[in-house]
Protein backbone atom coordinates (compact mmCIF):
# COMPACT_ATOMS: atom_id res chain seq x y z
CA MET A 1 -22.69 -36.90 -11.42
CA LYS A 2 -24.12 -33.80 -13.08
CA ILE A 3 -24.33 -32.07 -9.70
CA LEU A 4 -20.66 -32.81 -9.04
CA ILE A 5 -19.62 -31.40 -12.42
CA TRP A 6 -21.81 -28.34 -11.89
CA PHE A 7 -20.43 -27.75 -8.39
CA THR A 8 -16.82 -28.21 -9.55
CA SER A 9 -17.37 -25.79 -12.44
CA ILE A 10 -18.72 -23.10 -10.13
CA ILE A 11 -15.78 -23.46 -7.76
CA LEU A 12 -13.28 -23.40 -10.63
CA LEU A 13 -14.84 -20.27 -12.12
CA SER A 14 -14.85 -18.57 -8.72
CA VAL A 15 -11.17 -19.34 -8.20
CA LEU A 16 -10.25 -18.11 -11.66
CA ALA A 17 -12.25 -14.91 -11.19
CA ALA A 18 -10.56 -14.25 -7.84
CA CYS A 19 -7.12 -14.64 -9.43
CA SER A 20 -7.82 -11.85 -11.90
CA TYR A 21 -7.90 -9.20 -9.16
CA GLY A 22 -4.49 -7.64 -8.71
CA THR A 23 -3.11 -4.75 -6.73
CA ASP A 24 -4.93 -2.29 -9.01
CA PHE A 25 -8.37 -3.62 -8.05
CA PRO A 26 -10.04 -1.08 -5.71
CA GLU A 27 -12.79 -3.31 -4.33
CA GLY A 28 -12.20 -4.13 -0.68
CA PHE A 29 -9.16 -1.87 -0.25
CA SER A 30 -9.19 0.68 2.52
CA LEU A 31 -6.56 2.46 4.54
CA PRO A 32 -6.76 2.16 8.32
CA GLU A 33 -7.74 5.12 10.45
CA GLY A 34 -4.71 7.32 10.96
CA ASP A 35 -3.23 8.81 14.10
CA ILE A 36 -0.98 11.77 13.24
CA ALA A 37 0.95 11.74 16.53
CA LYS A 38 1.62 7.98 16.39
CA GLY A 39 2.55 8.19 12.72
CA GLU A 40 5.06 10.95 13.41
CA GLN A 41 6.51 8.96 16.32
CA VAL A 42 6.92 5.83 14.20
CA PHE A 43 8.35 7.84 11.27
CA LEU A 44 11.07 9.25 13.54
CA GLN A 45 11.62 6.08 15.58
CA TYR A 46 12.28 3.89 12.54
CA LYS A 47 14.38 6.60 10.86
CA CYS A 48 12.28 6.63 7.71
CA GLN A 49 14.19 9.73 6.60
CA ALA A 50 17.10 7.44 5.64
CA CYS A 51 15.09 6.48 2.53
CA HIS A 52 12.28 9.05 2.40
CA ALA A 53 12.04 12.83 2.23
CA LEU A 54 9.25 14.67 4.01
CA LYS A 55 9.17 18.44 4.21
CA GLY A 56 9.94 19.59 7.74
CA TYR A 57 11.58 16.32 8.83
CA GLU A 58 15.16 16.63 7.64
CA ASP A 59 17.81 14.78 9.66
CA ASP A 60 21.36 15.33 8.44
CA SER A 61 22.76 12.90 11.04
CA LEU A 62 21.27 9.90 9.20
CA ILE A 63 23.13 8.02 6.48
CA LYS A 64 21.02 8.36 3.34
CA GLU A 65 20.27 5.08 1.55
CA PHE A 66 19.61 6.74 -1.83
CA ASP A 67 21.09 9.70 -3.69
CA THR A 68 17.55 10.91 -4.29
CA PRO A 69 15.22 10.05 -1.38
CA VAL A 70 11.71 8.78 -2.11
CA PRO A 71 9.36 11.72 -1.42
CA LEU A 72 6.38 11.27 0.88
CA GLY A 73 3.26 13.36 0.91
CA GLY A 74 1.48 14.84 -2.03
CA THR A 75 -1.75 16.33 -3.24
CA SER A 76 -3.89 13.19 -3.35
CA SER A 77 -6.13 12.61 -0.36
CA LEU A 78 -7.76 9.54 -1.86
CA VAL A 79 -6.01 6.25 -2.51
CA LYS A 80 -8.17 3.71 -4.34
CA THR A 81 -5.78 0.78 -4.69
CA TYR A 82 -2.82 -0.73 -2.87
CA ALA A 83 -0.68 -0.04 -5.94
CA GLN A 84 -1.42 3.70 -5.65
CA CYS A 85 -0.43 3.61 -2.00
CA VAL A 86 2.99 2.06 -2.55
CA SER A 87 3.82 3.65 -5.91
CA PRO A 88 2.03 6.97 -6.34
């Protein structure tokens, strides 16, 4: 019986500890290897400029979704968490 209680306690503590990690937790987060040419192709193909602004990729033929587009790019070359990636 003591072994069962001990085992259950360890599992419960592990689950609770895992729940405390949110999108700001850097452990285990990594961006995939990038391919500039494929990224540019996808950016243009999916008309990302409708919501985003990226210097050198203006397209006046698209209907803009926002009055002020969400800027892409920046000075940071290191993203530590998922939260930094989606909301710099």
